């Protein structure tokens, strides 16, 4: 179980409170009271509640949550955003290296082809 503390005025806290408000009134109204409705009772109901599986958090979800918490604790969220947008960003460097590799391949190919022709 993961708990997260946020400021009560933050967007995340407000959205969480709205979700809780939506869930609470909807639960009693969603149960029909008609006589033709079969309600779970007795031992089968208790066993159903006991055997219900909780959703497990995947490794990817856990890693993402850990990374988000680390960024918030260290206060590097804005710094990372600025760094990734600039020329020093990972994606820009990777694209540059791919372009250089492709040009180098074309130059070498042209040299090989020129040597083969008499």
C-alpha atoms as a PDB file:
ATOM      1  CA  UNK A   1       0.000   0.000   0.000  1.00  0.00           C
ATOM      2  CA  UNK A   2       1.355   3.375  -0.983  1.00  0.00           C
ATOM      3  CA  UNK A   3       0.387   6.564   0.818  1.00  0.00           C
ATOM      4  CA  UNK A   4       1.086  10.025  -0.474  1.00  0.00           C
ATOM      5  CA  UNK A   5       0.737  13.262   1.439  1.00  0.00           C
ATOM      6  CA  UNK A   6      -0.224  16.338  -0.546  1.00  0.00           C
ATOM      7  CA  UNK A   7      -1.280  19.868   0.301  1.00  0.00           C
ATOM      8  CA  UNK A   8      -5.037  20.148   0.758  1.00  0.00           C
ATOM      9  CA  UNK A   9      -5.173  23.003  -1.768  1.00  0.00           C
ATOM     10  CA  UNK A  10      -3.341  21.123  -4.536  1.00  0.00           C
ATOM     11  CA  UNK A  11      -5.028  19.903  -7.720  1.00  0.00           C
ATOM     12  CA  UNK A  12      -4.351  16.293  -6.781  1.00  0.00           C
ATOM     13  CA  UNK A  13      -6.054  16.637  -3.394  1.00  0.00           C
ATOM     14  CA  UNK A  14      -9.088  18.340  -4.917  1.00  0.00           C
ATOM     15  CA  UNK A  15      -9.472  15.659  -7.588  1.00  0.00           C
ATOM     16  CA  UNK A  16      -9.167  12.935  -4.932  1.00  0.00           C
ATOM     17  CA  UNK A  17     -11.886  14.548  -2.809  1.00  0.00           C
ATOM     18  CA  UNK A  18     -14.172  14.827  -5.842  1.00  0.00           C
ATOM     19  CA  UNK A  19     -13.670  11.125  -6.579  1.00  0.00           C
ATOM     20  CA  UNK A  20     -14.499  10.221  -2.991  1.00  0.00           C
ATOM     21  CA  UNK A  21     -17.669  12.331  -3.100  1.00  0.00           C
ATOM     22  CA  UNK A  22     -18.766  10.613  -6.301  1.00  0.00           C
ATOM     23  CA  UNK A  23     -18.230   7.141  -4.837  1.00  0.00           C
ATOM     24  CA  UNK A  24     -20.008   7.612  -1.511  1.00  0.00           C
ATOM     25  CA  UNK A  25     -23.452   8.797  -2.694  1.00  0.00           C
ATOM     26  CA  UNK A  26     -23.437   6.370  -5.642  1.00  0.00           C
ATOM     27  CA  UNK A  27     -23.021   3.251  -3.487  1.00  0.00           C
ATOM     28  CA  UNK A  28     -26.376   3.304  -1.595  1.00  0.00           C
ATOM     29  CA  UNK A  29     -28.354   4.448  -4.630  1.00  0.00           C
ATOM     30  CA  UNK A  30     -26.939   1.691  -6.849  1.00  0.00           C
ATOM     31  CA  UNK A  31     -28.434  -1.149  -4.765  1.00  0.00           C
ATOM     32  CA  UNK A  32     -31.927  -1.917  -6.021  1.00  0.00           C
ATOM     33  CA  UNK A  33     -34.509  -2.735  -3.363  1.00  0.00           C
ATOM     34  CA  UNK A  34     -36.862  -4.747  -5.571  1.00  0.00           C
ATOM     35  CA  UNK A  35     -38.128  -8.122  -4.376  1.00  0.00           C
ATOM     36  CA  UNK A  36     -36.706  -9.941  -7.431  1.00  0.00           C
ATOM     37  CA  UNK A  37     -33.119  -9.043  -6.562  1.00  0.00           C
ATOM     38  CA  UNK A  38     -30.944 -11.726  -5.021  1.00  0.00           C
ATOM     39  CA  UNK A  39     -28.520 -10.348  -2.479  1.00  0.00           C
ATOM     40  CA  UNK A  40     -25.449 -12.258  -1.331  1.00  0.00           C
ATOM     41  CA  UNK A  41     -25.794 -13.293   2.283  1.00  0.00           C
ATOM     42  CA  UNK A  42     -24.411 -15.717   4.786  1.00  0.00           C
ATOM     43  CA  UNK A  43     -21.244 -17.712   4.404  1.00  0.00           C
ATOM     44  CA  UNK A  44     -20.846 -17.246   0.627  1.00  0.00           C
ATOM     45  CA  UNK A  45     -20.820 -13.473   1.041  1.00  0.00           C
ATOM     46  CA  UNK A  46     -18.136 -13.633   3.717  1.00  0.00           C
ATOM     47  CA  UNK A  47     -16.012 -16.046   1.681  1.00  0.00           C
ATOM     48  CA  UNK A  48     -16.353 -13.783  -1.343  1.00  0.00           C
ATOM     49  CA  UNK A  49     -15.070 -10.828   0.627  1.00  0.00           C
ATOM     50  CA  UNK A  50     -12.190 -12.815   2.114  1.00  0.00           C
ATOM     51  CA  UNK A  51     -11.110 -14.363  -1.189  1.00  0.00           C
ATOM     52  CA  UNK A  52     -11.324 -11.152  -3.206  1.00  0.00           C
ATOM     53  CA  UNK A  53      -7.869 -10.405  -4.549  1.00  0.00           C
ATOM     54  CA  UNK A  54      -6.348  -6.985  -4.241  1.00  0.00           C
ATOM     55  CA  UNK A  55      -4.763  -5.565  -7.360  1.00  0.00           C
ATOM     56  CA  UNK A  56      -1.017  -5.827  -7.199  1.00  0.00           C
ATOM     57  CA  UNK A  57       1.245  -3.011  -8.283  1.00  0.00           C
ATOM     58  CA  UNK A  58       3.462  -3.941 -11.210  1.00  0.00           C
ATOM     59  CA  UNK A  59       7.184  -3.319 -11.173  1.00  0.00           C
ATOM     60  CA  UNK A  60       6.789  -0.627 -13.793  1.00  0.00           C
ATOM     61  CA  UNK A  61       4.141   1.214 -11.762  1.00  0.00           C
ATOM     62  CA  UNK A  62       6.255   0.940  -8.593  1.00  0.00           C
ATOM     63  CA  UNK A  63       9.341   2.257 -10.383  1.00  0.00           C
ATOM     64  CA  UNK A  64       7.386   5.167 -11.823  1.00  0.00           C
ATOM     65  CA  UNK A  65       5.983   6.026  -8.397  1.00  0.00           C
ATOM     66  CA  UNK A  66       9.436   5.795  -6.805  1.00  0.00           C
ATOM     67  CA  UNK A  67      10.926   8.043  -9.497  1.00  0.00           C
ATOM     68  CA  UNK A  68       8.169  10.641  -9.065  1.00  0.00           C
ATOM     69  CA  UNK A  69       8.673  10.624  -5.275  1.00  0.00           C
ATOM     70  CA  UNK A  70      12.437  10.976  -5.685  1.00  0.00           C
ATOM     71  CA  UNK A  71      12.052  13.943  -8.035  1.00  0.00           C
ATOM     72  CA  UNK A  72       9.708  15.663  -5.579  1.00  0.00           C
ATOM     73  CA  UNK A  73      11.924  14.975  -2.557  1.00  0.00           C
ATOM     74  CA  UNK A  74      15.048  16.261  -4.304  1.00  0.00           C
ATOM     75  CA  UNK A  75      13.235  19.217  -5.879  1.00  0.00           C
ATOM     76  CA  UNK A  76      14.580  18.490  -9.351  1.00  0.00           C
ATOM     77  CA  UNK A  77      11.315  18.357 -11.321  1.00  0.00           C
ATOM     78  CA  UNK A  78      11.773  21.750 -13.000  1.00  0.00           C
ATOM     79  CA  UNK A  79      15.488  21.216 -13.525  1.00  0.00           C
ATOM     80  CA  UNK A  80      14.834  17.940 -15.350  1.00  0.00           C
ATOM     81  CA  UNK A  81      12.135  19.534 -17.499  1.00  0.00           C
ATOM     82  CA  UNK A  82      14.469  22.353 -18.523  1.00  0.00           C
ATOM     83  CA  UNK A  83      17.364  19.974 -19.145  1.00  0.00           C
ATOM     84  CA  UNK A  84      15.319  17.657 -21.344  1.00  0.00           C
ATOM     85  CA  UNK A  85      14.016  20.535 -23.469  1.00  0.00           C
ATOM     86  CA  UNK A  86      17.444  21.995 -24.215  1.00  0.00           C
ATOM     87  CA  UNK A  87      20.240  20.965 -26.521  1.00  0.00           C
ATOM     88  CA  UNK A  88      21.685  18.746 -23.832  1.00  0.00           C
ATOM     89  CA  UNK A  89      18.575  16.548 -23.731  1.00  0.00           C
ATOM     90  CA  UNK A  90      18.883  12.798 -24.218  1.00  0.00           C
ATOM     91  CA  UNK A  91      16.600  12.666 -27.252  1.00  0.00           C
ATOM     92  CA  UNK A  92      18.483  15.445 -29.026  1.00  0.00           C
ATOM     93  CA  UNK A  93      21.835  13.759 -28.390  1.00  0.00           C
ATOM     94  CA  UNK A  94      20.530  10.413 -29.621  1.00  0.00           C
ATOM     95  CA  UNK A  95      19.118  11.947 -32.818  1.00  0.00           C
ATOM     96  CA  UNK A  96      22.413  13.774 -33.425  1.00  0.00           C
ATOM     97  CA  UNK A  97      24.431  10.579 -33.033  1.00  0.00           C
ATOM     98  CA  UNK A  98      22.118   8.724 -35.412  1.00  0.00           C
ATOM     99  CA  UNK A  99      22.527  11.454 -38.041  1.00  0.00           C
ATOM    100  CA  UNK A 100      26.310  11.360 -37.681  1.00  0.00           C
ATOM    101  CA  UNK A 101      26.347   7.569 -37.970  1.00  0.00           C
ATOM    102  CA  UNK A 102      24.165   7.681 -41.091  1.00  0.00           C
ATOM    103  CA  UNK A 103      26.403  10.323 -42.753  1.00  0.00           C
ATOM    104  CA  UNK A 104      29.507   8.321 -41.937  1.00  0.00           C
ATOM    105  CA  UNK A 105      27.922   5.222 -43.477  1.00  0.00           C
ATOM    106  CA  UNK A 106      27.053   7.145 -46.675  1.00  0.00           C
ATOM    107  CA  UNK A 107      30.593   8.502 -46.968  1.00  0.00           C
ATOM    108  CA  UNK A 108      32.101   5.037 -46.537  1.00  0.00           C
ATOM    109  CA  UNK A 109      29.623   3.564 -49.030  1.00  0.00           C
ATOM    110  CA  UNK A 110      30.471   6.209 -51.631  1.00  0.00           C
ATOM    111  CA  UNK A 111      34.194   5.495 -51.183  1.00  0.00           C
ATOM    112  CA  UNK A 112      33.638   1.738 -51.601  1.00  0.00           C
ATOM    113  CA  UNK A 113      31.525   2.256 -54.727  1.00  0.00           C
ATOM    114  CA  UNK A 114      34.062   4.633 -56.297  1.00  0.00           C
ATOM    115  CA  UNK A 115      36.854   2.099 -55.782  1.00  0.00           C
ATOM    116  CA  UNK A 116      34.856  -0.695 -57.402  1.00  0.00           C
ATOM    117  CA  UNK A 117      34.273   1.167 -60.689  1.00  0.00           C
ATOM    118  CA  UNK A 118      37.163   0.934 -63.188  1.00  0.00           C
END
